[in-house]
Amino acid sequence: MLLIGAEDEEKWLAEGIAGIQHNAFYLHRALDSNNLRDALKYSAQMLSELRTSKLSPQKYYELYMRAFDELRILEMFFKDESKHGVSVVDLYELVQHAGNILPRLYLLCTVGSVYIKSKEAPAKELLQDLVEMCHGVQHPIRGLFLRSYLAQISRDKLLDIGSDYEGDADTVMDAVEFILENFTEMNKLWVRMQLEVC
């Protein structure tokens, strides 16, 4: 791996943050006017900033956290069907048309979180769908952060006895399998990232 100067990396990080802030500005305007089409457009453009390969994991984390904060706001918008008039089932299909795979998967995870909460489809199937689709990102840093996001959005939606998504002993094992599969893939990406850094 080429040695990157700290100055260059700071510049690339600043450019990435500026890109996120620029698109987040228009995203907020779209959310304020309940414009789903523009909200999807600007959120996808914002998330495209995470496609960079120029940053170290530490700097990428800074960029990721900016996008993460915006995704929380977007999730609240997705939850309120009265604002955008599209069912969560249709929304889950709609975000799969985002042009690039990384923005598509972040949007899919975000809508998936709302979909699971709606209980309109089994949590087990949706979580399995998401964990499988995340295989589409094989770049170590980008894949690791995407899977971290999946773990974040799913942590309060796992099937467990006594939870909102209560299941029997079998479905609890499904939740364990989901966690282990995601964690295993994260470990593989972590190892690859370490090898590339060395």
N, C-alpha and C. Protein backbone atom coordinates (compact mmCIF):
# COMPACT_ATOMS: atom_id res chain seq x y z
N MET A 1 0.85 -1.20 0.00
CA MET A 1 0.00 0.00 0.00
C MET A 1 0.89 1.25 0.00
N LEU A 2 0.50 2.24 -0.79
CA LEU A 2 1.30 3.45 -0.85
C LEU A 2 1.18 4.25 0.44
N LEU A 3 2.29 4.86 0.83
CA LEU A 3 2.26 5.71 2.01
C LEU A 3 1.59 7.02 1.64
N ILE A 4 0.60 7.40 2.39
CA ILE A 4 -0.15 8.62 2.11
C ILE A 4 0.24 9.67 3.14
N GLY A 5 0.54 10.87 2.67
CA GLY A 5 0.89 11.96 3.58
C GLY A 5 -0.30 12.39 4.41
N ALA A 6 -0.03 12.77 5.65
CA ALA A 6 -1.10 13.21 6.56
C ALA A 6 -1.83 14.42 5.99
N GLU A 7 -1.07 15.29 5.30
CA GLU A 7 -1.67 16.49 4.72
C GLU A 7 -2.68 16.13 3.63
N ASP A 8 -2.28 15.18 2.77
CA ASP A 8 -3.17 14.73 1.70
C ASP A 8 -4.43 14.10 2.29
N GLU A 9 -4.24 13.30 3.31
CA GLU A 9 -5.38 12.61 3.91
C GLU A 9 -6.35 13.59 4.55
N GLU A 10 -5.81 14.61 5.21
CA GLU A 10 -6.66 15.65 5.81
C GLU A 10 -7.46 16.37 4.72
N LYS A 11 -6.81 16.61 3.59
CA LYS A 11 -7.47 17.28 2.47
C LYS A 11 -8.61 16.42 1.94
N TRP A 12 -8.33 15.11 1.77
CA TRP A 12 -9.37 14.20 1.25
C TRP A 12 -10.52 14.06 2.24
N LEU A 13 -10.19 14.04 3.53
CA LEU A 13 -11.23 13.96 4.55
C LEU A 13 -12.09 15.21 4.50
N ALA A 14 -11.45 16.38 4.41
CA ALA A 14 -12.19 17.65 4.36
C ALA A 14 -13.10 17.69 3.14
N GLU A 15 -12.61 17.18 2.00
CA GLU A 15 -13.43 17.15 0.78
C GLU A 15 -14.63 16.21 0.96
N GLY A 16 -14.40 15.07 1.60
CA GLY A 16 -15.47 14.11 1.85
C GLY A 16 -16.53 14.69 2.79
N ILE A 17 -16.07 15.35 3.85
CA ILE A 17 -17.00 15.96 4.81
C ILE A 17 -17.81 17.07 4.12
N ALA A 18 -17.11 17.86 3.30
CA ALA A 18 -17.80 18.94 2.56
C ALA A 18 -18.87 18.35 1.64
N GLY A 19 -18.55 17.22 1.00
CA GLY A 19 -19.52 16.55 0.12
C GLY A 19 -20.74 16.06 0.90
N ILE A 20 -20.49 15.50 2.07
CA ILE A 20 -21.60 15.03 2.91
C ILE A 20 -22.45 16.22 3.36
N GLN A 21 -21.80 17.29 3.81
CA GLN A 21 -22.54 18.46 4.29
C GLN A 21 -23.37 19.10 3.17
N HIS A 22 -22.78 19.17 1.98
CA HIS A 22 -23.48 19.76 0.83
C HIS A 22 -24.76 18.97 0.52
N ASN A 23 -24.62 17.66 0.41
CA ASN A 23 -25.78 16.83 0.09
C ASN A 23 -26.76 16.75 1.26
N ALA A 24 -26.24 16.79 2.49
CA ALA A 24 -27.11 16.77 3.67
C ALA A 24 -27.99 18.02 3.72
N PHE A 25 -27.45 19.15 3.27
CA PHE A 25 -28.22 20.40 3.22
C PHE A 25 -29.46 20.21 2.34
N TYR A 26 -29.24 19.66 1.14
CA TYR A 26 -30.36 19.44 0.21
C TYR A 26 -31.26 18.29 0.68
N LEU A 27 -30.67 17.33 1.36
CA LEU A 27 -31.45 16.23 1.95
C LEU A 27 -32.44 16.79 2.97
N HIS A 28 -31.95 17.68 3.84
CA HIS A 28 -32.83 18.27 4.86
C HIS A 28 -33.95 19.07 4.23
N ARG A 29 -33.63 19.79 3.15
CA ARG A 29 -34.67 20.55 2.45
C ARG A 29 -35.73 19.61 1.88
N ALA A 30 -35.26 18.47 1.34
CA ALA A 30 -36.20 17.48 0.79
C ALA A 30 -37.07 16.89 1.90
N LEU A 31 -36.46 16.62 3.05
CA LEU A 31 -37.21 16.06 4.17
C LEU A 31 -38.24 17.07 4.69
N ASP A 32 -37.83 18.33 4.76
CA ASP A 32 -38.74 19.38 5.25
C ASP A 32 -39.95 19.55 4.33
N SER A 33 -39.75 19.29 3.04
CA SER A 33 -40.87 19.44 2.10
C SER A 33 -41.51 18.08 1.76
N ASN A 34 -41.14 17.04 2.53
CA ASN A 34 -41.69 15.69 2.35
C ASN A 34 -41.51 15.16 0.92
N ASN A 35 -40.38 15.48 0.33
CA ASN A 35 -40.08 15.08 -1.04
C ASN A 35 -39.22 13.82 -1.02
N LEU A 36 -39.87 12.67 -1.14
CA LEU A 36 -39.17 11.39 -1.03
C LEU A 36 -38.15 11.21 -2.16
N ARG A 37 -38.53 11.59 -3.37
CA ARG A 37 -37.64 11.39 -4.53
C ARG A 37 -36.31 12.13 -4.32
N ASP A 38 -36.39 13.39 -3.90
CA ASP A 38 -35.16 14.16 -3.66
C ASP A 38 -34.42 13.66 -2.43
N ALA A 39 -35.17 13.21 -1.42
CA ALA A 39 -34.52 12.67 -0.22
C ALA A 39 -33.66 11.46 -0.57
N LEU A 40 -34.19 10.59 -1.43
CA LEU A 40 -33.42 9.41 -1.86
C LEU A 40 -32.23 9.82 -2.72
N LYS A 41 -32.46 10.78 -3.59
CA LYS A 41 -31.39 11.25 -4.49
C LYS A 41 -30.22 11.83 -3.69
N TYR A 42 -30.52 12.75 -2.77
CA TYR A 42 -29.44 13.42 -2.03
C TYR A 42 -28.81 12.52 -0.97
N SER A 43 -29.60 11.60 -0.42
CA SER A 43 -28.99 10.66 0.55
C SER A 43 -28.03 9.71 -0.17
N ALA A 44 -28.40 9.27 -1.39
CA ALA A 44 -27.51 8.40 -2.16
C ALA A 44 -26.22 9.14 -2.54
N GLN A 45 -26.37 10.41 -2.96
CA GLN A 45 -25.18 11.21 -3.30
C GLN A 45 -24.31 11.43 -2.07
N MET A 46 -24.94 11.68 -0.93
CA MET A 46 -24.20 11.87 0.32
C MET A 46 -23.43 10.59 0.67
N LEU A 47 -24.10 9.46 0.56
CA LEU A 47 -23.47 8.18 0.91
C LEU A 47 -22.38 7.78 -0.08
N SER A 48 -22.41 8.35 -1.27
CA SER A 48 -21.36 8.07 -2.26
C SER A 48 -20.00 8.55 -1.77
N GLU A 49 -19.99 9.50 -0.86
CA GLU A 49 -18.72 9.98 -0.28
C GLU A 49 -18.00 8.85 0.47
N LEU A 50 -18.77 7.85 0.93
CA LEU A 50 -18.17 6.73 1.67
C LEU A 50 -17.52 5.71 0.73
N ARG A 51 -17.58 5.97 -0.57
CA ARG A 51 -16.96 5.05 -1.53
C ARG A 51 -15.45 5.30 -1.67
N THR A 52 -14.92 6.26 -0.96
CA THR A 52 -13.50 6.61 -1.07
C THR A 52 -12.59 5.46 -0.62
N SER A 53 -11.43 5.39 -1.26
CA SER A 53 -10.39 4.43 -0.85
C SER A 53 -9.15 5.16 -0.37
N LYS A 54 -9.26 6.48 -0.22
CA LYS A 54 -8.08 7.30 0.06
C LYS A 54 -7.80 7.50 1.55
N LEU A 55 -8.71 7.06 2.41
CA LEU A 55 -8.58 7.37 3.84
C LEU A 55 -8.17 6.16 4.67
N SER A 56 -7.42 6.43 5.73
CA SER A 56 -7.09 5.39 6.70
C SER A 56 -8.37 5.05 7.48
N PRO A 57 -8.40 3.92 8.17
CA PRO A 57 -9.61 3.58 8.95
C PRO A 57 -10.02 4.67 9.93
N GLN A 58 -9.05 5.33 10.58
CA GLN A 58 -9.37 6.38 11.55
C GLN A 58 -10.06 7.57 10.89
N LYS A 59 -9.55 7.98 9.74
CA LYS A 59 -10.15 9.12 9.03
C LYS A 59 -11.48 8.72 8.39
N TYR A 60 -11.55 7.49 7.91
CA TYR A 60 -12.79 7.00 7.32
C TYR A 60 -13.90 7.00 8.38
N TYR A 61 -13.53 6.66 9.61
CA TYR A 61 -14.49 6.65 10.72
C TYR A 61 -15.12 8.04 10.89
N GLU A 62 -14.29 9.08 10.79
CA GLU A 62 -14.80 10.46 10.92
C GLU A 62 -15.85 10.75 9.84
N LEU A 63 -15.53 10.31 8.63
CA LEU A 63 -16.45 10.52 7.50
C LEU A 63 -17.74 9.71 7.72
N TYR A 64 -17.57 8.46 8.12
CA TYR A 64 -18.70 7.57 8.37
C TYR A 64 -19.65 8.15 9.42
N MET A 65 -19.10 8.71 10.49
CA MET A 65 -19.94 9.24 11.57
C MET A 65 -20.78 10.41 11.10
N ARG A 66 -20.26 11.21 10.17
CA ARG A 66 -21.05 12.32 9.60
C ARG A 66 -22.26 11.75 8.86
N ALA A 67 -22.01 10.72 8.06
CA ALA A 67 -23.10 10.09 7.30
C ALA A 67 -24.07 9.38 8.25
N PHE A 68 -23.53 8.73 9.27
CA PHE A 68 -24.35 8.00 10.24
C PHE A 68 -25.38 8.92 10.89
N ASP A 69 -24.95 10.12 11.28
CA ASP A 69 -25.86 11.08 11.91
C ASP A 69 -27.01 11.45 10.98
N GLU A 70 -26.69 11.60 9.69
CA GLU A 70 -27.73 11.95 8.71
C GLU A 70 -28.68 10.78 8.47
N LEU A 71 -28.15 9.57 8.52
CA LEU A 71 -29.00 8.39 8.32
C LEU A 71 -30.01 8.23 9.44
N ARG A 72 -29.67 8.66 10.65
CA ARG A 72 -30.63 8.61 11.76
C ARG A 72 -31.83 9.50 11.45
N ILE A 73 -31.55 10.68 10.90
CA ILE A 73 -32.61 11.63 10.55
C ILE A 73 -33.46 11.06 9.41
N LEU A 74 -32.79 10.47 8.42
CA LEU A 74 -33.49 9.86 7.29
C LEU A 74 -34.39 8.71 7.76
N GLU A 75 -33.92 7.94 8.71
CA GLU A 75 -34.71 6.82 9.23
C GLU A 75 -36.02 7.32 9.85
N MET A 76 -35.94 8.44 10.57
CA MET A 76 -37.15 9.01 11.18
C MET A 76 -38.16 9.41 10.10
N PHE A 77 -37.65 9.93 9.00
CA PHE A 77 -38.51 10.31 7.87
C PHE A 77 -39.16 9.07 7.26
N PHE A 78 -38.37 8.01 7.06
CA PHE A 78 -38.89 6.77 6.49
C PHE A 78 -40.00 6.18 7.36
N LYS A 79 -39.87 6.34 8.67
CA LYS A 79 -40.84 5.76 9.61
C LYS A 79 -42.22 6.37 9.46
N ASP A 80 -42.27 7.64 9.08
CA ASP A 80 -43.54 8.37 9.04
C ASP A 80 -44.14 8.34 7.63
N GLU A 81 -44.93 7.32 7.37
CA GLU A 81 -45.52 7.15 6.03
C GLU A 81 -46.40 8.32 5.63
N SER A 82 -46.97 9.02 6.62
CA SER A 82 -47.84 10.16 6.31
C SER A 82 -47.06 11.29 5.62
N LYS A 83 -45.73 11.30 5.80
CA LYS A 83 -44.91 12.36 5.19
C LYS A 83 -44.59 12.07 3.73
N HIS A 84 -44.35 10.81 3.41
CA HIS A 84 -43.93 10.51 2.03
C HIS A 84 -44.93 9.66 1.25
N GLY A 85 -45.91 9.07 1.93
CA GLY A 85 -47.00 8.37 1.25
C GLY A 85 -46.64 7.05 0.59
N VAL A 86 -45.50 6.47 0.97
CA VAL A 86 -45.08 5.19 0.37
C VAL A 86 -44.99 4.14 1.48
N SER A 87 -45.57 2.98 1.23
CA SER A 87 -45.51 1.92 2.25
C SER A 87 -44.07 1.45 2.42
N VAL A 88 -43.77 0.91 3.59
CA VAL A 88 -42.40 0.46 3.88
C VAL A 88 -42.00 -0.68 2.94
N VAL A 89 -42.97 -1.48 2.52
CA VAL A 89 -42.70 -2.58 1.59
C VAL A 89 -42.21 -2.00 0.25
N ASP A 90 -42.93 -0.99 -0.23
CA ASP A 90 -42.54 -0.34 -1.49
C ASP A 90 -41.23 0.42 -1.35
N LEU A 91 -41.03 1.02 -0.19
CA LEU A 91 -39.80 1.77 0.08
C LEU A 91 -38.58 0.84 0.03
N TYR A 92 -38.76 -0.36 0.57
CA TYR A 92 -37.67 -1.36 0.58
C TYR A 92 -37.29 -1.75 -0.85
N GLU A 93 -38.30 -1.81 -1.72
CA GLU A 93 -38.04 -2.10 -3.14
C GLU A 93 -37.41 -0.88 -3.83
N LEU A 94 -37.93 0.29 -3.50
CA LEU A 94 -37.50 1.53 -4.15
C LEU A 94 -36.02 1.82 -3.95
N VAL A 95 -35.52 1.65 -2.73
CA VAL A 95 -34.11 1.99 -2.46
C VAL A 95 -33.15 1.03 -3.15
N GLN A 96 -33.66 -0.10 -3.61
CA GLN A 96 -32.79 -1.05 -4.30
C GLN A 96 -32.43 -0.59 -5.70
N HIS A 97 -32.97 0.57 -6.10
CA HIS A 97 -32.65 1.12 -7.42
C HIS A 97 -31.55 2.18 -7.35
N ALA A 98 -31.00 2.43 -6.16
CA ALA A 98 -29.89 3.39 -6.05
C ALA A 98 -28.74 2.89 -6.93
N GLY A 99 -28.11 3.83 -7.63
CA GLY A 99 -27.11 3.47 -8.64
C GLY A 99 -25.92 2.66 -8.16
N ASN A 100 -25.25 3.12 -7.13
CA ASN A 100 -24.04 2.43 -6.65
C ASN A 100 -24.37 1.53 -5.47
N ILE A 101 -23.62 0.44 -5.38
CA ILE A 101 -23.95 -0.58 -4.38
C ILE A 101 -23.80 -0.10 -2.93
N LEU A 102 -22.78 0.70 -2.64
CA LEU A 102 -22.58 1.11 -1.24
C LEU A 102 -23.72 2.00 -0.74
N PRO A 103 -24.07 3.08 -1.46
CA PRO A 103 -25.23 3.86 -1.01
C PRO A 103 -26.51 3.02 -0.95
N ARG A 104 -26.67 2.12 -1.94
CA ARG A 104 -27.85 1.26 -1.97
C ARG A 104 -27.97 0.43 -0.70
N LEU A 105 -26.85 -0.15 -0.26
CA LEU A 105 -26.90 -1.03 0.92
C LEU A 105 -27.10 -0.25 2.21
N TYR A 106 -26.51 0.95 2.31
CA TYR A 106 -26.79 1.78 3.49
C TYR A 106 -28.27 2.16 3.55
N LEU A 107 -28.83 2.52 2.40
CA LEU A 107 -30.26 2.88 2.36
C LEU A 107 -31.13 1.66 2.65
N LEU A 108 -30.71 0.51 2.13
CA LEU A 108 -31.45 -0.73 2.36
C LEU A 108 -31.46 -1.10 3.84
N CYS A 109 -30.32 -0.95 4.50
CA CYS A 109 -30.25 -1.23 5.94
C CYS A 109 -31.13 -0.26 6.72
N THR A 110 -31.13 1.01 6.29
CA THR A 110 -31.93 2.03 6.98
C THR A 110 -33.42 1.75 6.84
N VAL A 111 -33.86 1.46 5.62
CA VAL A 111 -35.27 1.12 5.40
C VAL A 111 -35.58 -0.22 6.05
N GLY A 112 -34.63 -1.15 5.98
CA GLY A 112 -34.81 -2.47 6.61
C GLY A 112 -35.11 -2.35 8.09
N SER A 113 -34.44 -1.41 8.75
CA SER A 113 -34.68 -1.17 10.18
C SER A 113 -36.13 -0.77 10.43
N VAL A 114 -36.65 0.13 9.56
CA VAL A 114 -38.05 0.57 9.67
C VAL A 114 -39.00 -0.58 9.34
N TYR A 115 -38.63 -1.37 8.33
CA TYR A 115 -39.45 -2.50 7.88
C TYR A 115 -39.60 -3.52 9.01
N ILE A 116 -38.50 -3.83 9.69
CA ILE A 116 -38.55 -4.79 10.80
C ILE A 116 -39.47 -4.26 11.91
N LYS A 117 -39.32 -2.96 12.22
CA LYS A 117 -40.15 -2.36 13.28
C LYS A 117 -41.62 -2.40 12.93
N SER A 118 -41.94 -2.33 11.64
CA SER A 118 -43.34 -2.34 11.21
C SER A 118 -43.99 -3.71 11.39
N LYS A 119 -43.15 -4.75 11.50
CA LYS A 119 -43.60 -6.14 11.64
C LYS A 119 -44.45 -6.61 10.46
N GLU A 120 -44.24 -5.97 9.30
CA GLU A 120 -44.98 -6.37 8.10
C GLU A 120 -44.31 -7.54 7.38
N ALA A 121 -43.15 -7.92 7.85
CA ALA A 121 -42.45 -9.09 7.31
C ALA A 121 -41.64 -9.68 8.47
N PRO A 122 -41.36 -10.98 8.42
CA PRO A 122 -40.60 -11.58 9.52
C PRO A 122 -39.20 -10.97 9.65
N ALA A 123 -38.84 -10.60 10.87
CA ALA A 123 -37.52 -10.01 11.13
C ALA A 123 -36.41 -10.94 10.66
N LYS A 124 -36.61 -12.24 10.86
CA LYS A 124 -35.60 -13.23 10.47
C LYS A 124 -35.27 -13.11 8.98
N GLU A 125 -36.30 -13.01 8.15
CA GLU A 125 -36.09 -12.95 6.69
C GLU A 125 -35.39 -11.67 6.28
N LEU A 126 -35.81 -10.56 6.87
CA LEU A 126 -35.21 -9.27 6.52
C LEU A 126 -33.74 -9.20 6.95
N LEU A 127 -33.45 -9.67 8.16
CA LEU A 127 -32.06 -9.65 8.64
C LEU A 127 -31.18 -10.55 7.78
N GLN A 128 -31.71 -11.69 7.39
CA GLN A 128 -30.95 -12.61 6.54
C GLN A 128 -30.69 -11.97 5.17
N ASP A 129 -31.71 -11.31 4.66
CA ASP A 129 -31.60 -10.61 3.38
C ASP A 129 -30.48 -9.56 3.44
N LEU A 130 -30.48 -8.76 4.50
CA LEU A 130 -29.50 -7.68 4.64
C LEU A 130 -28.08 -8.22 4.82
N VAL A 131 -27.93 -9.24 5.66
CA VAL A 131 -26.59 -9.77 5.92
C VAL A 131 -26.01 -10.39 4.65
N GLU A 132 -26.87 -10.99 3.83
CA GLU A 132 -26.42 -11.58 2.56
C GLU A 132 -26.05 -10.49 1.56
N MET A 133 -26.89 -9.46 1.46
CA MET A 133 -26.63 -8.40 0.48
C MET A 133 -25.35 -7.64 0.78
N CYS A 134 -24.97 -7.58 2.04
CA CYS A 134 -23.74 -6.86 2.42
C CYS A 134 -22.49 -7.53 1.85
N HIS A 135 -22.62 -8.77 1.35
CA HIS A 135 -21.49 -9.43 0.67
C HIS A 135 -21.10 -8.66 -0.59
N GLY A 136 -21.99 -7.81 -1.07
CA GLY A 136 -21.73 -7.04 -2.28
C GLY A 136 -20.61 -6.03 -2.15
N VAL A 137 -20.23 -5.70 -0.92
CA VAL A 137 -19.12 -4.76 -0.70
C VAL A 137 -17.95 -5.54 -0.13
N GLN A 138 -16.91 -5.69 -0.95
CA GLN A 138 -15.75 -6.49 -0.55
C GLN A 138 -14.53 -5.66 -0.17
N HIS A 139 -14.59 -4.35 -0.39
CA HIS A 139 -13.47 -3.49 0.03
C HIS A 139 -13.40 -3.55 1.56
N PRO A 140 -12.22 -3.85 2.14
CA PRO A 140 -12.15 -4.10 3.59
C PRO A 140 -12.70 -2.98 4.47
N ILE A 141 -12.28 -1.74 4.24
CA ILE A 141 -12.73 -0.64 5.11
C ILE A 141 -14.21 -0.35 4.89
N ARG A 142 -14.60 -0.21 3.62
CA ARG A 142 -16.00 0.10 3.33
C ARG A 142 -16.93 -1.01 3.81
N GLY A 143 -16.53 -2.26 3.58
CA GLY A 143 -17.34 -3.40 4.01
C GLY A 143 -17.46 -3.50 5.51
N LEU A 144 -16.35 -3.23 6.20
CA LEU A 144 -16.33 -3.30 7.67
C LEU A 144 -17.28 -2.27 8.28
N PHE A 145 -17.25 -1.05 7.76
CA PHE A 145 -18.12 -0.01 8.30
C PHE A 145 -19.59 -0.26 7.93
N LEU A 146 -19.83 -0.79 6.74
CA LEU A 146 -21.21 -1.13 6.35
C LEU A 146 -21.77 -2.19 7.29
N ARG A 147 -20.98 -3.22 7.57
CA ARG A 147 -21.44 -4.29 8.47
C ARG A 147 -21.59 -3.78 9.91
N SER A 148 -20.75 -2.83 10.27
CA SER A 148 -20.90 -2.21 11.59
C SER A 148 -22.25 -1.47 11.66
N TYR A 149 -22.60 -0.79 10.57
CA TYR A 149 -23.89 -0.09 10.50
C TYR A 149 -25.05 -1.09 10.61
N LEU A 150 -24.92 -2.21 9.92
CA LEU A 150 -25.95 -3.26 9.99
C LEU A 150 -26.10 -3.75 11.43
N ALA A 151 -24.99 -3.95 12.11
CA ALA A 151 -25.04 -4.39 13.52
C ALA A 151 -25.72 -3.33 14.38
N GLN A 152 -25.43 -2.05 14.10
CA GLN A 152 -26.02 -0.95 14.88
C GLN A 152 -27.53 -0.89 14.72
N ILE A 153 -27.99 -0.95 13.46
CA ILE A 153 -29.43 -0.76 13.23
C ILE A 153 -30.25 -1.99 13.65
N SER A 154 -29.59 -3.14 13.76
CA SER A 154 -30.34 -4.37 14.08
C SER A 154 -30.30 -4.74 15.55
N ARG A 155 -29.47 -4.08 16.33
CA ARG A 155 -29.24 -4.54 17.71
C ARG A 155 -30.49 -4.56 18.59
N ASP A 156 -31.45 -3.68 18.31
CA ASP A 156 -32.68 -3.66 19.12
C ASP A 156 -33.84 -4.36 18.40
N LYS A 157 -33.51 -5.09 17.33
CA LYS A 157 -34.57 -5.74 16.55
C LYS A 157 -34.37 -7.24 16.41
N LEU A 158 -33.50 -7.79 17.22
CA LEU A 158 -33.21 -9.21 17.12
C LEU A 158 -34.29 -10.02 17.81
N LEU A 159 -34.59 -11.16 17.24
CA LEU A 159 -35.59 -12.06 17.82
C LEU A 159 -35.09 -12.59 19.15
N ASP A 160 -35.86 -12.39 20.18
CA ASP A 160 -35.46 -12.87 21.50
C ASP A 160 -36.72 -13.09 22.34
N ILE A 161 -36.63 -14.00 23.26
CA ILE A 161 -37.75 -14.26 24.16
C ILE A 161 -37.91 -13.03 25.05
N GLY A 162 -39.11 -12.46 25.04
CA GLY A 162 -39.38 -11.28 25.85
C GLY A 162 -39.14 -9.96 25.12
N SER A 163 -38.63 -9.99 23.88
CA SER A 163 -38.39 -8.74 23.15
C SER A 163 -39.63 -8.39 22.33
N ASP A 164 -39.61 -7.22 21.69
CA ASP A 164 -40.72 -6.80 20.81
C ASP A 164 -40.87 -7.75 19.64
N TYR A 165 -39.76 -8.40 19.27
CA TYR A 165 -39.76 -9.31 18.13
C TYR A 165 -39.65 -10.73 18.65
N GLU A 166 -40.47 -11.00 19.69
CA GLU A 166 -40.37 -12.25 20.43
C GLU A 166 -40.54 -13.46 19.53
N GLY A 167 -39.72 -14.43 19.81
CA GLY A 167 -39.83 -15.68 19.07
C GLY A 167 -39.66 -16.84 20.03
N ASP A 168 -39.67 -18.03 19.48
CA ASP A 168 -39.44 -19.21 20.30
C ASP A 168 -37.94 -19.52 20.30
N ALA A 169 -37.58 -20.66 20.84
CA ALA A 169 -36.15 -21.02 20.95
C ALA A 169 -35.49 -21.06 19.57
N ASP A 170 -36.23 -21.50 18.54
CA ASP A 170 -35.67 -21.58 17.19
C ASP A 170 -35.31 -20.19 16.66
N THR A 171 -36.21 -19.23 16.85
CA THR A 171 -35.95 -17.91 16.31
C THR A 171 -34.84 -17.20 17.08
N VAL A 172 -34.67 -17.54 18.34
CA VAL A 172 -33.54 -16.99 19.10
C VAL A 172 -32.24 -17.48 18.47
N MET A 173 -32.22 -18.73 18.05
CA MET A 173 -31.03 -19.28 17.37
C MET A 173 -30.81 -18.59 16.03
N ASP A 174 -31.90 -18.18 15.36
CA ASP A 174 -31.76 -17.42 14.11
C ASP A 174 -31.05 -16.09 14.37
N ALA A 175 -31.41 -15.45 15.48
CA ALA A 175 -30.76 -14.18 15.85
C ALA A 175 -29.28 -14.39 16.12
N VAL A 176 -28.96 -15.47 16.81
CA VAL A 176 -27.55 -15.80 17.11
C VAL A 176 -26.79 -16.05 15.81
N GLU A 177 -27.42 -16.78 14.90
CA GLU A 177 -26.78 -17.06 13.60
C GLU A 177 -26.53 -15.78 12.81
N PHE A 178 -27.49 -14.86 12.85
CA PHE A 178 -27.33 -13.57 12.15
C PHE A 178 -26.13 -12.81 12.72
N ILE A 179 -26.06 -12.74 14.04
CA ILE A 179 -24.95 -12.01 14.69
C ILE A 179 -23.62 -12.66 14.35
N LEU A 180 -23.58 -13.98 14.42
CA LEU A 180 -22.32 -14.69 14.14
C LEU A 180 -21.90 -14.55 12.68
N GLU A 181 -22.88 -14.62 11.77
CA GLU A 181 -22.53 -14.48 10.35
C GLU A 181 -21.97 -13.09 10.06
N ASN A 182 -22.64 -12.06 10.59
CA ASN A 182 -22.17 -10.69 10.37
C ASN A 182 -20.79 -10.48 11.02
N PHE A 183 -20.62 -11.01 12.22
CA PHE A 183 -19.35 -10.87 12.95
C PHE A 183 -18.22 -11.60 12.22
N THR A 184 -18.52 -12.78 11.70
CA THR A 184 -17.51 -13.56 10.96
C THR A 184 -17.05 -12.78 9.73
N GLU A 185 -18.01 -12.21 9.00
CA GLU A 185 -17.65 -11.43 7.81
C GLU A 185 -16.86 -10.18 8.19
N MET A 186 -17.21 -9.57 9.32
CA MET A 186 -16.45 -8.40 9.79
C MET A 186 -15.02 -8.79 10.12
N ASN A 187 -14.85 -9.95 10.74
CA ASN A 187 -13.49 -10.42 11.06
C ASN A 187 -12.66 -10.66 9.81
N LYS A 188 -13.28 -11.24 8.78
CA LYS A 188 -12.57 -11.48 7.52
C LYS A 188 -12.10 -10.15 6.92
N LEU A 189 -13.00 -9.17 6.93
CA LEU A 189 -12.66 -7.85 6.38
C LEU A 189 -11.57 -7.18 7.22
N TRP A 190 -11.64 -7.36 8.53
CA TRP A 190 -10.63 -6.80 9.44
C TRP A 190 -9.24 -7.38 9.13
N VAL A 191 -9.19 -8.69 8.94
CA VAL A 191 -7.92 -9.35 8.63
C VAL A 191 -7.37 -8.82 7.31
N ARG A 192 -8.24 -8.71 6.30
CA ARG A 192 -7.79 -8.19 5.00
C ARG A 192 -7.31 -6.75 5.11
N MET A 193 -8.00 -5.99 5.92
CA MET A 193 -7.60 -4.57 6.10
C MET A 193 -6.22 -4.49 6.74
N GLN A 194 -5.99 -5.34 7.75
CA GLN A 194 -4.68 -5.37 8.42
C GLN A 194 -3.57 -5.76 7.45
N LEU A 195 -3.85 -6.72 6.58
CA LEU A 195 -2.85 -7.17 5.61
C LEU A 195 -2.52 -6.07 4.60
N GLU A 196 -3.56 -5.29 4.23
CA GLU A 196 -3.33 -4.21 3.26
C GLU A 196 -2.56 -3.05 3.88
N VAL A 197 -2.79 -2.81 5.18
CA VAL A 197 -2.11 -1.72 5.87
C VAL A 197 -0.64 -2.05 6.08
N CYS A 198 -0.33 -3.35 6.32
CA CYS A 198 1.05 -3.77 6.58
C CYS A 198 1.94 -3.64 5.35
